[in-house]
Amino acid sequence: MEQQTGNKYSGRRLLIVDDDSSMRLLLAEYFRRLGFTVEERESGAEALEPATSGRFDCFIFDVTMPEMTGLELLRRVRERGISTPAMFLTAHDEVEAKVAGFEAGADDYLAKPFSPRELELRVEALLRRAGGAPQAGEAERIEVGDLVIDKRRHEVIRHGERVDLTPLEFQILELLASEPGRAWSRNALLDQVWSTDYEGYQRNIDPHINRLRKKIEEDPKNPRYVLTVRGVGYKLNESP
């Protein structure tokens, strides 16, 4: 396994959960060399308390683990309002497995075997999405109906109350809100929100849209904001 040194990630905290001790230790060492503070757990059950503590910047979870799978772990973490970006590692590369991971609340998904450098780039992309600032000339706030999307604070307000979104959910909503009324294809959304080359199935965007609707819509089955464009993809309603 190639290793790099540096401190560009100094101060960042990473939680790695994998019952494969060899894989877990190798990844932990790799990311520590990059400057991360890394904590390790060998099971989902053991990781639940630290994962819900709010002290981590990113999660790397294996999917298949005894006692509690990575899917169940992340579901429980998301149920407690923790929006920390999460990456799944798995030996299964089927579309159904990926969709299950995204439905559980994952922000990205990497099949084994993989290059540690690719994993690093994907983690970097998750961190960038989680803490990205608006570019020069961009509006810092977008208001659509009673939704306020604050790019600098990286938060969404609805009816005066904050809505907890994952970094990927925030980026999807931000992109849709950048051009209300524009119909975005699923492939276009995937191309825009994933910062690394992603060889995914276009329907992988659907679980994120469904979770986003549950958080911002009064009736997710009859959405006012994020509308489906038949045969195309999605758009944000100009006049919700």
C-alpha atoms as a PDB file:
ATOM      1  CA  MET A   1       0.000   0.000   0.000  1.00  0.00           C
ATOM      2  CA  GLU A   2       1.429   3.328  -1.035  1.00  0.00           C
ATOM      3  CA  GLN A   3       1.816   5.842   1.770  1.00  0.00           C
ATOM      4  CA  GLN A   4       2.185   9.581   1.838  1.00  0.00           C
ATOM      5  CA  THR A   5       3.135  12.018   4.530  1.00  0.00           C
ATOM      6  CA  GLY A   6       1.883  15.500   5.183  1.00  0.00           C
ATOM      7  CA  ASN A   7      -0.332  17.592   7.401  1.00  0.00           C
ATOM      8  CA  LYS A   8      -2.924  18.996   4.968  1.00  0.00           C
ATOM      9  CA  TYR A   9      -5.604  17.214   6.985  1.00  0.00           C
ATOM     10  CA  SER A  10      -4.293  18.217  10.396  1.00  0.00           C
ATOM     11  CA  GLY A  11      -7.168  18.649  12.805  1.00  0.00           C
ATOM     12  CA  ARG A  12      -9.528  16.445  10.817  1.00  0.00           C
ATOM     13  CA  ARG A  13     -11.002  13.479  12.658  1.00  0.00           C
ATOM     14  CA  LEU A  14     -11.834  10.207  10.920  1.00  0.00           C
ATOM     15  CA  LEU A  15     -13.697   7.140  12.211  1.00  0.00           C
ATOM     16  CA  ILE A  16     -12.886   3.837  10.474  1.00  0.00           C
ATOM     17  CA  VAL A  17     -15.112   0.827  11.221  1.00  0.00           C
ATOM     18  CA  ASP A  18     -14.188  -2.544   9.716  1.00  0.00           C
ATOM     19  CA  ASP A  19     -14.066  -6.032  11.209  1.00  0.00           C
ATOM     20  CA  ASP A  20     -11.147  -6.893   8.913  1.00  0.00           C
ATOM     21  CA  SER A  21      -8.272  -5.915  11.210  1.00  0.00           C
ATOM     22  CA  SER A  22      -5.664  -5.913   8.431  1.00  0.00           C
ATOM     23  CA  MET A  23      -7.683  -3.554   6.250  1.00  0.00           C
ATOM     24  CA  ARG A  24      -8.623  -1.333   9.189  1.00  0.00           C
ATOM     25  CA  LEU A  25      -5.047  -0.978  10.464  1.00  0.00           C
ATOM     26  CA  LEU A  26      -3.633  -0.297   7.002  1.00  0.00           C
ATOM     27  CA  LEU A  27      -6.192   2.411   6.296  1.00  0.00           C
ATOM     28  CA  ALA A  28      -5.734   3.944   9.732  1.00  0.00           C
ATOM     29  CA  GLU A  29      -1.993   4.176   9.223  1.00  0.00           C
ATOM     30  CA  TYR A  30      -2.415   5.629   5.724  1.00  0.00           C
ATOM     31  CA  PHE A  31      -4.741   8.397   6.906  1.00  0.00           C
ATOM     32  CA  ARG A  32      -2.654   9.155   9.992  1.00  0.00           C
ATOM     33  CA  ARG A  33       0.294   9.799   7.694  1.00  0.00           C
ATOM     34  CA  LEU A  34      -1.857  12.359   5.923  1.00  0.00           C
ATOM     35  CA  GLY A  35      -2.456  14.204   9.175  1.00  0.00           C
ATOM     36  CA  PHE A  36      -5.839  12.808  10.213  1.00  0.00           C
ATOM     37  CA  THR A  37      -6.655  11.922  13.789  1.00  0.00           C
ATOM     38  CA  VAL A  38      -8.047   8.413  13.336  1.00  0.00           C
ATOM     39  CA  GLU A  39     -10.163   6.281  15.634  1.00  0.00           C
ATOM     40  CA  GLU A  40     -10.867   2.636  14.811  1.00  0.00           C
ATOM     41  CA  ARG A  41     -13.655   0.231  15.729  1.00  0.00           C
ATOM     42  CA  GLU A  42     -14.097  -3.375  14.651  1.00  0.00           C
ATOM     43  CA  SER A  43     -17.884  -3.600  14.772  1.00  0.00           C
ATOM     44  CA  GLY A  44     -20.928  -1.475  14.154  1.00  0.00           C
ATOM     45  CA  ALA A  45     -22.175  -2.014  17.689  1.00  0.00           C
ATOM     46  CA  GLU A  46     -18.864  -0.795  19.121  1.00  0.00           C
ATOM     47  CA  ALA A  47     -18.876   2.236  16.800  1.00  0.00           C
ATOM     48  CA  LEU A  48     -22.389   3.521  17.515  1.00  0.00           C
ATOM     49  CA  GLU A  49     -21.477   5.661  20.520  1.00  0.00           C
ATOM     50  CA  PRO A  50     -18.461   7.428  18.973  1.00  0.00           C
ATOM     51  CA  ALA A  51     -20.234   7.812  15.617  1.00  0.00           C
ATOM     52  CA  THR A  52     -23.079   9.724  17.287  1.00  0.00           C
ATOM     53  CA  SER A  53     -20.779  11.885  19.406  1.00  0.00           C
ATOM     54  CA  GLY A  54     -20.477  14.600  16.759  1.00  0.00           C
ATOM     55  CA  ARG A  55     -16.694  14.792  17.002  1.00  0.00           C
ATOM     56  CA  PHE A  56     -15.766  13.341  13.590  1.00  0.00           C
ATOM     57  CA  ASP A  57     -15.401  15.004  10.191  1.00  0.00           C
ATOM     58  CA  CYS A  58     -15.890  11.822   8.147  1.00  0.00           C
ATOM     59  CA  PHE A  59     -16.820   8.152   8.504  1.00  0.00           C
ATOM     60  CA  ILE A  60     -15.451   5.140   6.609  1.00  0.00           C
ATOM     61  CA  PHE A  61     -17.670   2.114   7.274  1.00  0.00           C
ATOM     62  CA  ASP A  62     -17.394  -1.420   5.973  1.00  0.00           C
ATOM     63  CA  VAL A  63     -20.807  -2.727   4.950  1.00  0.00           C
ATOM     64  CA  THR A  64     -20.608  -6.375   6.031  1.00  0.00           C
ATOM     65  CA  MET A  65     -19.865  -6.737   9.753  1.00  0.00           C
ATOM     66  CA  PRO A  66     -21.152  -9.065  12.489  1.00  0.00           C
ATOM     67  CA  GLU A  67     -23.647  -7.905  15.114  1.00  0.00           C
ATOM     68  CA  MET A  68     -24.471  -4.675  13.296  1.00  0.00           C
ATOM     69  CA  THR A  69     -23.818  -4.036   9.617  1.00  0.00           C
ATOM     70  CA  GLY A  70     -22.466  -0.768   8.327  1.00  0.00           C
ATOM     71  CA  LEU A  71     -25.889  -0.095   6.800  1.00  0.00           C
ATOM     72  CA  GLU A  72     -27.651  -0.440  10.142  1.00  0.00           C
ATOM     73  CA  LEU A  73     -24.952   1.595  11.887  1.00  0.00           C
ATOM     74  CA  LEU A  74     -25.360   4.510   9.500  1.00  0.00           C
ATOM     75  CA  ARG A  75     -29.165   4.337   9.645  1.00  0.00           C
ATOM     76  CA  ARG A  76     -28.992   4.714  13.421  1.00  0.00           C
ATOM     77  CA  VAL A  77     -26.458   7.527  13.142  1.00  0.00           C
ATOM     78  CA  ARG A  78     -28.674   9.425  10.684  1.00  0.00           C
ATOM     79  CA  GLU A  79     -31.750   8.854  12.861  1.00  0.00           C
ATOM     80  CA  ARG A  80     -29.946  10.745  15.625  1.00  0.00           C
ATOM     81  CA  GLY A  81     -29.464  13.762  13.392  1.00  0.00           C
ATOM     82  CA  ILE A  82     -25.763  13.251  12.663  1.00  0.00           C
ATOM     83  CA  SER A  83     -24.990  14.485   9.127  1.00  0.00           C
ATOM     84  CA  THR A  84     -21.244  13.697   9.091  1.00  0.00           C
ATOM     85  CA  PRO A  85     -20.236  12.618   5.557  1.00  0.00           C
ATOM     86  CA  ALA A  86     -19.966   8.842   5.255  1.00  0.00           C
ATOM     87  CA  MET A  87     -18.181   6.504   2.856  1.00  0.00           C
ATOM     88  CA  PHE A  88     -19.056   2.819   2.535  1.00  0.00           C
ATOM     89  CA  LEU A  89     -16.488   0.150   1.667  1.00  0.00           C
ATOM     90  CA  THR A  90     -17.831  -3.135   0.357  1.00  0.00           C
ATOM     91  CA  ALA A  91     -17.002  -6.267  -1.574  1.00  0.00           C
ATOM     92  CA  HIS A  92     -20.336  -5.988  -3.396  1.00  0.00           C
ATOM     93  CA  ASP A  93     -20.449  -3.766  -6.471  1.00  0.00           C
ATOM     94  CA  GLU A  94     -24.000  -4.530  -7.623  1.00  0.00           C
ATOM     95  CA  VAL A  95     -26.410  -1.663  -8.275  1.00  0.00           C
ATOM     96  CA  GLU A  96     -28.808  -2.958  -5.597  1.00  0.00           C
ATOM     97  CA  ALA A  97     -26.045  -2.900  -2.984  1.00  0.00           C
ATOM     98  CA  LYS A  98     -25.129   0.674  -3.871  1.00  0.00           C
ATOM     99  CA  VAL A  99     -28.734   1.819  -3.708  1.00  0.00           C
ATOM    100  CA  ALA A 100     -29.100   0.192  -0.273  1.00  0.00           C
ATOM    101  CA  GLY A 101     -26.027   2.088   0.892  1.00  0.00           C
ATOM    102  CA  PHE A 102     -27.340   5.425  -0.334  1.00  0.00           C
ATOM    103  CA  GLU A 103     -30.749   4.756   1.197  1.00  0.00           C
ATOM    104  CA  ALA A 104     -29.027   4.177   4.527  1.00  0.00           C
ATOM    105  CA  GLY A 105     -27.546   7.682   4.295  1.00  0.00           C
ATOM    106  CA  ALA A 106     -24.166   7.178   2.626  1.00  0.00           C
ATOM    107  CA  ASP A 107     -22.550   9.986   0.638  1.00  0.00           C
ATOM    108  CA  ASP A 108     -20.275   7.745  -1.420  1.00  0.00           C
ATOM    109  CA  TYR A 109     -19.534   4.088  -2.007  1.00  0.00           C
ATOM    110  CA  LEU A 110     -16.285   2.317  -2.936  1.00  0.00           C
ATOM    111  CA  ALA A 111     -15.995  -1.343  -3.896  1.00  0.00           C
ATOM    112  CA  LYS A 112     -13.037  -3.508  -2.897  1.00  0.00           C
ATOM    113  CA  PRO A 113     -10.341  -3.839  -4.062  1.00  0.00           C
ATOM    114  CA  PHE A 114      -9.470  -0.152  -4.346  1.00  0.00           C
ATOM    115  CA  SER A 115      -6.496   2.179  -4.327  1.00  0.00           C
ATOM    116  CA  PRO A 116      -5.919   4.003  -1.016  1.00  0.00           C
ATOM    117  CA  ARG A 117      -5.226   7.101  -3.108  1.00  0.00           C
ATOM    118  CA  GLU A 118      -8.712   6.859  -4.651  1.00  0.00           C
ATOM    119  CA  LEU A 119     -10.220   6.516  -1.185  1.00  0.00           C
ATOM    120  CA  GLU A 120      -8.249   9.566  -0.052  1.00  0.00           C
ATOM    121  CA  LEU A 121      -9.557  11.620  -2.994  1.00  0.00           C
ATOM    122  CA  ARG A 122     -13.121  10.570  -2.282  1.00  0.00           C
ATOM    123  CA  VAL A 123     -12.769  11.475   1.401  1.00  0.00           C
ATOM    124  CA  GLU A 124     -11.270  14.815   0.378  1.00  0.00           C
ATOM    125  CA  ALA A 125     -14.261  15.426  -1.897  1.00  0.00           C
ATOM    126  CA  LEU A 126     -16.674  14.650   0.962  1.00  0.00           C
ATOM    127  CA  LEU A 127     -14.860  17.063   3.267  1.00  0.00           C
ATOM    128  CA  ARG A 128     -14.865  19.746   0.593  1.00  0.00           C
ATOM    129  CA  ARG A 129     -18.607  19.360   0.071  1.00  0.00           C
ATOM    130  CA  ALA A 130     -19.219  19.475   3.807  1.00  0.00           C
ATOM    131  CA  GLY A 131     -17.314  22.706   4.307  1.00  0.00           C
ATOM    132  CA  GLY A 132     -17.311  24.401   0.932  1.00  0.00           C
ATOM    133  CA  ALA A 133     -17.632  28.184   0.753  1.00  0.00           C
ATOM    134  CA  PRO A 134     -19.354  30.064  -2.091  1.00  0.00           C
ATOM    135  CA  GLN A 135     -17.171  31.127  -4.980  1.00  0.00           C
ATOM    136  CA  ALA A 136     -16.557  34.795  -5.753  1.00  0.00           C
ATOM    137  CA  GLY A 137     -19.606  36.364  -7.354  1.00  0.00           C
ATOM    138  CA  GLU A 138     -22.010  33.688  -6.109  1.00  0.00           C
ATOM    139  CA  ALA A 139     -24.968  34.596  -3.943  1.00  0.00           C
ATOM    140  CA  GLU A 140     -24.374  33.501  -0.365  1.00  0.00           C
ATOM    141  CA  ARG A 141     -28.095  32.956   0.266  1.00  0.00           C
ATOM    142  CA  ILE A 142     -30.767  31.502  -1.994  1.00  0.00           C
ATOM    143  CA  GLU A 143     -34.426  31.883  -1.027  1.00  0.00           C
ATOM    144  CA  VAL A 144     -37.144  29.776  -2.632  1.00  0.00           C
ATOM    145  CA  GLY A 145     -40.540  29.906  -0.979  1.00  0.00           C
ATOM    146  CA  ASP A 146     -39.941  29.442   2.734  1.00  0.00           C
ATOM    147  CA  LEU A 147     -36.595  27.712   2.170  1.00  0.00           C
ATOM    148  CA  VAL A 148     -33.373  29.620   2.796  1.00  0.00           C
ATOM    149  CA  ILE A 149     -30.139  28.025   1.571  1.00  0.00           C
ATOM    150  CA  ASP A 150     -27.161  29.684   3.228  1.00  0.00           C
ATOM    151  CA  LYS A 151     -23.976  28.674   1.394  1.00  0.00           C
ATOM    152  CA  ARG A 152     -21.522  30.328   3.742  1.00  0.00           C
ATOM    153  CA  ARG A 153     -23.046  28.755   6.833  1.00  0.00           C
ATOM    154  CA  HIS A 154     -23.738  25.562   4.870  1.00  0.00           C
ATOM    155  CA  GLU A 155     -27.222  25.271   6.284  1.00  0.00           C
ATOM    156  CA  VAL A 156     -30.862  25.224   5.221  1.00  0.00           C
ATOM    157  CA  ILE A 157     -33.626  27.026   7.085  1.00  0.00           C
ATOM    158  CA  ARG A 158     -37.318  26.208   6.636  1.00  0.00           C
ATOM    159  CA  HIS A 159     -40.062  28.062   8.517  1.00  0.00           C
ATOM    160  CA  GLY A 160     -37.285  29.645  10.570  1.00  0.00           C
ATOM    161  CA  GLU A 161     -35.907  26.297  11.730  1.00  0.00           C
ATOM    162  CA  ARG A 162     -32.688  24.628  10.659  1.00  0.00           C
ATOM    163  CA  VAL A 163     -32.938  21.458   8.570  1.00  0.00           C
ATOM    164  CA  ASP A 164     -30.122  18.942   9.074  1.00  0.00           C
ATOM    165  CA  LEU A 165     -28.900  17.727   5.677  1.00  0.00           C
ATOM    166  CA  THR A 166     -25.957  15.542   4.791  1.00  0.00           C
ATOM    167  CA  PRO A 167     -23.280  17.247   2.640  1.00  0.00           C
ATOM    168  CA  LEU A 168     -24.541  15.456  -0.458  1.00  0.00           C
ATOM    169  CA  GLU A 169     -28.173  16.363   0.204  1.00  0.00           C
ATOM    170  CA  PHE A 170     -27.131  19.981   0.699  1.00  0.00           C
ATOM    171  CA  GLN A 171     -25.195  20.024  -2.560  1.00  0.00           C
ATOM    172  CA  ILE A 172     -28.097  18.525  -4.502  1.00  0.00           C
ATOM    173  CA  LEU A 173     -30.506  21.122  -3.105  1.00  0.00           C
ATOM    174  CA  GLU A 174     -27.997  23.920  -3.692  1.00  0.00           C
ATOM    175  CA  LEU A 175     -27.574  22.837  -7.318  1.00  0.00           C
ATOM    176  CA  LEU A 176     -31.317  22.611  -7.957  1.00  0.00           C
ATOM    177  CA  ALA A 177     -31.823  26.012  -6.311  1.00  0.00           C
ATOM    178  CA  SER A 178     -29.118  27.619  -8.434  1.00  0.00           C
ATOM    179  CA  GLU A 179     -31.579  27.532 -11.358  1.00  0.00           C
ATOM    180  CA  PRO A 180     -35.157  27.086 -10.101  1.00  0.00           C
ATOM    181  CA  GLY A 181     -37.367  25.619 -12.796  1.00  0.00           C
ATOM    182  CA  ARG A 182     -34.514  23.982 -14.696  1.00  0.00           C
ATOM    183  CA  ALA A 183     -34.964  20.263 -15.289  1.00  0.00           C
ATOM    184  CA  TRP A 184     -31.812  18.360 -14.318  1.00  0.00           C
ATOM    185  CA  SER A 185     -31.283  14.863 -15.627  1.00  0.00           C
ATOM    186  CA  ARG A 186     -30.135  12.242 -13.156  1.00  0.00           C
ATOM    187  CA  ASN A 187     -26.823  11.926 -14.968  1.00  0.00           C
ATOM    188  CA  ALA A 188     -26.292  15.704 -14.854  1.00  0.00           C
ATOM    189  CA  LEU A 189     -26.925  15.714 -11.109  1.00  0.00           C
ATOM    190  CA  LEU A 190     -24.479  12.859 -10.596  1.00  0.00           C
ATOM    191  CA  ASP A 191     -21.844  14.617 -12.703  1.00  0.00           C
ATOM    192  CA  GLN A 192     -22.209  17.816 -10.688  1.00  0.00           C
ATOM    193  CA  VAL A 193     -22.392  16.505  -7.135  1.00  0.00           C
ATOM    194  CA  TRP A 194     -19.741  13.802  -7.287  1.00  0.00           C
ATOM    195  CA  SER A 195     -16.292  15.397  -7.396  1.00  0.00           C
ATOM    196  CA  THR A 196     -14.478  12.184  -8.402  1.00  0.00           C
ATOM    197  CA  ASP A 197     -15.057  10.021 -11.461  1.00  0.00           C
ATOM    198  CA  TYR A 198     -18.129   8.005 -10.610  1.00  0.00           C
ATOM    199  CA  GLU A 199     -19.122   4.980 -12.631  1.00  0.00           C
ATOM    200  CA  GLY A 200     -22.560   4.758 -11.140  1.00  0.00           C
ATOM    201  CA  TYR A 201     -26.060   3.908 -12.204  1.00  0.00           C
ATOM    202  CA  GLN A 202     -28.161   7.020 -12.743  1.00  0.00           C
ATOM    203  CA  ARG A 203     -30.880   5.855 -10.352  1.00  0.00           C
ATOM    204  CA  ASN A 204     -28.390   6.141  -7.474  1.00  0.00           C
ATOM    205  CA  ILE A 205     -29.489   9.769  -7.169  1.00  0.00           C
ATOM    206  CA  ASP A 206     -33.069   8.763  -6.284  1.00  0.00           C
ATOM    207  CA  PRO A 207     -32.476   7.684  -2.648  1.00  0.00           C
ATOM    208  CA  HIS A 208     -30.829  11.057  -1.931  1.00  0.00           C
ATOM    209  CA  ILE A 209     -33.786  12.909  -3.465  1.00  0.00           C
ATOM    210  CA  ASN A 210     -36.185  10.807  -1.374  1.00  0.00           C
ATOM    211  CA  ARG A 211     -34.300  11.573   1.845  1.00  0.00           C
ATOM    212  CA  LEU A 212     -34.078  15.261   0.932  1.00  0.00           C
ATOM    213  CA  ARG A 213     -37.833  15.386   0.390  1.00  0.00           C
ATOM    214  CA  LYS A 214     -38.457  13.785   3.779  1.00  0.00           C
ATOM    215  CA  LYS A 215     -36.538  16.627   5.378  1.00  0.00           C
ATOM    216  CA  ILE A 216     -37.841  19.679   3.505  1.00  0.00           C
ATOM    217  CA  GLU A 217     -41.333  18.712   2.345  1.00  0.00           C
ATOM    218  CA  GLU A 218     -44.471  18.743   4.479  1.00  0.00           C
ATOM    219  CA  ASP A 219     -45.752  15.802   2.439  1.00  0.00           C
ATOM    220  CA  PRO A 220     -42.830  13.973   0.755  1.00  0.00           C
ATOM    221  CA  LYS A 221     -45.241  11.927  -1.388  1.00  0.00           C
ATOM    222  CA  ASN A 222     -46.699  15.153  -2.809  1.00  0.00           C
ATOM    223  CA  PRO A 223     -43.665  17.435  -2.915  1.00  0.00           C
ATOM    224  CA  ARG A 224     -43.900  21.196  -3.365  1.00  0.00           C
ATOM    225  CA  TYR A 225     -40.195  21.918  -3.752  1.00  0.00           C
ATOM    226  CA  VAL A 226     -38.281  19.089  -5.423  1.00  0.00           C
ATOM    227  CA  LEU A 227     -40.413  17.977  -8.343  1.00  0.00           C
ATOM    228  CA  THR A 228     -39.994  14.953 -10.598  1.00  0.00           C
ATOM    229  CA  VAL A 229     -39.732  15.681 -14.312  1.00  0.00           C
ATOM    230  CA  ARG A 230     -40.975  12.546 -16.044  1.00  0.00           C
ATOM    231  CA  GLY A 231     -38.434  10.974 -18.346  1.00  0.00           C
ATOM    232  CA  VAL A 232     -35.774  13.484 -17.317  1.00  0.00           C
ATOM    233  CA  GLY A 233     -34.995  13.835 -13.640  1.00  0.00           C
ATOM    234  CA  TYR A 234     -35.743  16.607 -11.125  1.00  0.00           C
ATOM    235  CA  LYS A 235     -36.181  20.347 -10.735  1.00  0.00           C
ATOM    236  CA  LEU A 236     -36.824  22.856  -7.961  1.00  0.00           C
ATOM    237  CA  ASN A 237     -40.245  24.466  -8.140  1.00  0.00           C
ATOM    238  CA  GLU A 238     -39.982  28.175  -8.928  1.00  0.00           C
ATOM    239  CA  SER A 239     -43.206  28.989  -7.050  1.00  0.00           C
ATOM    240  CA  PRO A 240     -43.721  26.368  -4.322  1.00  0.00           C
END
